[in-house]
Amino acid sequence: MSSKKRIVDEEGYQTAIDYLTEHAPILDDPLPDPKYDIEKIKKIYAVTEQRIHEYRRGQMLLLHPYLKKIYKAAGVEYQEFK
C-alpha cells in the first residue's frame, strides 16, 4: 500500500464501493479474461478496501470517540476527521 490517498467524503466513499462492486466478479472468476491485469486489480482492490475501512472507522470516531482507544489497542488504522 504505497499510496496514502484517503477517501475525503461520501462521494469518494461511494466511488470506492463502486470499484469493489465492479471488480469483485473479475477477481472471483476462476477463468478470468486475459485482457485484465489480475495482479494489478488485486493490489488496487486491497488498497481500496483498506481505505474504505479506515474511512468508516474515522466516521465512527466522530460518533463514538471512545473507539479511538479500542482501535489503537487492536492495531487498526483509522482516518481522522476535523
C-alpha atoms as a PDB file:
ATOM      1  CA  MET A   1       0.000   0.000   0.000  1.00  0.00           C
ATOM      2  CA  SER A   2       2.281   2.705  -1.192  1.00  0.00           C
ATOM      3  CA  SER A   3      -0.406   5.302  -1.772  1.00  0.00           C
ATOM      4  CA  LYS A   4      -1.755   7.222   1.193  1.00  0.00           C
ATOM      5  CA  LYS A   5      -4.643   8.692  -0.750  1.00  0.00           C
ATOM      6  CA  ARG A   6      -7.637   8.940   1.535  1.00  0.00           C
ATOM      7  CA  ILE A   7     -11.368   9.000   0.982  1.00  0.00           C
ATOM      8  CA  VAL A   8     -12.432  12.566   1.762  1.00  0.00           C
ATOM      9  CA  ASP A   9     -16.219  12.466   1.556  1.00  0.00           C
ATOM     10  CA  GLU A  10     -19.250  10.278   0.972  1.00  0.00           C
ATOM     11  CA  GLU A  11     -18.918  10.685  -2.796  1.00  0.00           C
ATOM     12  CA  GLY A  12     -15.393   9.297  -2.652  1.00  0.00           C
ATOM     13  CA  TYR A  13     -16.619   6.523  -0.393  1.00  0.00           C
ATOM     14  CA  GLN A  14     -19.297   5.598  -2.932  1.00  0.00           C
ATOM     15  CA  THR A  15     -16.753   5.655  -5.758  1.00  0.00           C
ATOM     16  CA  ALA A  16     -14.572   3.231  -3.789  1.00  0.00           C
ATOM     17  CA  ILE A  17     -17.527   0.940  -3.104  1.00  0.00           C
ATOM     18  CA  ASP A  18     -18.428   1.038  -6.796  1.00  0.00           C
ATOM     19  CA  TYR A  19     -14.866  -0.011  -7.708  1.00  0.00           C
ATOM     20  CA  LEU A  20     -15.089  -3.029  -5.417  1.00  0.00           C
ATOM     21  CA  THR A  21     -18.517  -3.940  -6.746  1.00  0.00           C
ATOM     22  CA  GLU A  22     -17.377  -3.742 -10.368  1.00  0.00           C
ATOM     23  CA  HIS A  23     -14.134  -5.647  -9.900  1.00  0.00           C
ATOM     24  CA  ALA A  24     -15.171  -8.378  -7.451  1.00  0.00           C
ATOM     25  CA  PRO A  25     -16.688 -10.559 -10.204  1.00  0.00           C
ATOM     26  CA  ILE A  26     -13.476 -10.271 -12.224  1.00  0.00           C
ATOM     27  CA  LEU A  27     -11.405 -11.482  -9.268  1.00  0.00           C
ATOM     28  CA  ASP A  28     -13.949 -14.174  -8.413  1.00  0.00           C
ATOM     29  CA  ASP A  29     -13.895 -15.669 -11.913  1.00  0.00           C
ATOM     30  CA  PRO A  30     -11.890 -18.929 -11.926  1.00  0.00           C
ATOM     31  CA  LEU A  31     -11.049 -18.367 -15.614  1.00  0.00           C
ATOM     32  CA  PRO A  32     -10.523 -14.603 -15.867  1.00  0.00           C
ATOM     33  CA  ASP A  33     -10.438 -12.847 -19.197  1.00  0.00           C
ATOM     34  CA  PRO A  34      -6.774 -12.384 -20.207  1.00  0.00           C
ATOM     35  CA  LYS A  35      -7.459  -8.729 -21.046  1.00  0.00           C
ATOM     36  CA  TYR A  36      -7.490  -7.983 -17.295  1.00  0.00           C
ATOM     37  CA  ASP A  37      -4.308  -7.488 -15.303  1.00  0.00           C
ATOM     38  CA  ILE A  38      -5.471  -9.561 -12.334  1.00  0.00           C
ATOM     39  CA  GLU A  39      -2.455  -8.795 -10.150  1.00  0.00           C
ATOM     40  CA  LYS A  40      -2.939  -5.045 -10.628  1.00  0.00           C
ATOM     41  CA  ILE A  41      -6.656  -5.313  -9.869  1.00  0.00           C
ATOM     42  CA  LYS A  42      -5.881  -7.349  -6.719  1.00  0.00           C
ATOM     43  CA  LYS A  43      -3.482  -4.675  -5.451  1.00  0.00           C
ATOM     44  CA  ILE A  44      -5.864  -1.798  -6.137  1.00  0.00           C
ATOM     45  CA  TYR A  45      -8.745  -3.774  -4.663  1.00  0.00           C
ATOM     46  CA  ALA A  46      -6.826  -4.435  -1.434  1.00  0.00           C
ATOM     47  CA  VAL A  47      -5.794  -0.788  -1.026  1.00  0.00           C
ATOM     48  CA  THR A  48      -9.309   0.431  -1.794  1.00  0.00           C
ATOM     49  CA  GLU A  49     -10.795  -1.985   0.711  1.00  0.00           C
ATOM     50  CA  GLN A  50      -8.343  -0.801   3.379  1.00  0.00           C
ATOM     51  CA  ARG A  51      -9.179   2.862   2.698  1.00  0.00           C
ATOM     52  CA  ILE A  52     -12.901   2.110   2.994  1.00  0.00           C
ATOM     53  CA  HIS A  53     -12.358   0.527   6.414  1.00  0.00           C
ATOM     54  CA  GLU A  54     -10.205   3.450   7.571  1.00  0.00           C
ATOM     55  CA  TYR A  55     -12.818   5.953   6.407  1.00  0.00           C
ATOM     56  CA  ARG A  56     -15.669   4.150   8.164  1.00  0.00           C
ATOM     57  CA  ARG A  57     -13.661   3.780  11.372  1.00  0.00           C
ATOM     58  CA  GLY A  58     -12.960   7.514  11.256  1.00  0.00           C
ATOM     59  CA  GLN A  59     -16.665   8.205  10.794  1.00  0.00           C
ATOM     60  CA  MET A  60     -17.420   6.002  13.798  1.00  0.00           C
ATOM     61  CA  LEU A  61     -14.928   8.011  15.874  1.00  0.00           C
ATOM     62  CA  LEU A  62     -16.955  11.153  15.205  1.00  0.00           C
ATOM     63  CA  LEU A  63     -19.957   9.481  16.834  1.00  0.00           C
ATOM     64  CA  HIS A  64     -18.126   7.413  19.445  1.00  0.00           C
ATOM     65  CA  PRO A  65     -14.765   8.956  20.442  1.00  0.00           C
ATOM     66  CA  TYR A  66     -14.051   6.153  22.947  1.00  0.00           C
ATOM     67  CA  LEU A  67     -13.409   3.837  19.970  1.00  0.00           C
ATOM     68  CA  LYS A  68     -10.043   5.517  19.379  1.00  0.00           C
ATOM     69  CA  LYS A  69      -8.580   3.688  22.359  1.00  0.00           C
ATOM     70  CA  ILE A  70     -10.016   0.387  21.110  1.00  0.00           C
ATOM     71  CA  TYR A  71      -8.717   0.925  17.567  1.00  0.00           C
ATOM     72  CA  LYS A  72      -5.240   1.710  18.882  1.00  0.00           C
ATOM     73  CA  ALA A  73      -5.245  -1.360  21.130  1.00  0.00           C
ATOM     74  CA  ALA A  74      -6.353  -3.512  18.210  1.00  0.00           C
ATOM     75  CA  GLY A  75      -3.683  -2.003  15.960  1.00  0.00           C
ATOM     76  CA  VAL A  76      -6.090  -0.989  13.227  1.00  0.00           C
ATOM     77  CA  GLU A  77      -5.756   2.180  11.212  1.00  0.00           C
ATOM     78  CA  TYR A  78      -8.430   4.837  11.052  1.00  0.00           C
ATOM     79  CA  GLN A  79      -8.861   8.131   9.304  1.00  0.00           C
ATOM     80  CA  GLU A  80      -9.017  11.251  11.437  1.00  0.00           C
ATOM     81  CA  PHE A  81     -11.507  13.972  10.640  1.00  0.00           C
ATOM     82  CA  LYS A  82     -11.502  17.502  11.992  1.00  0.00           C
END
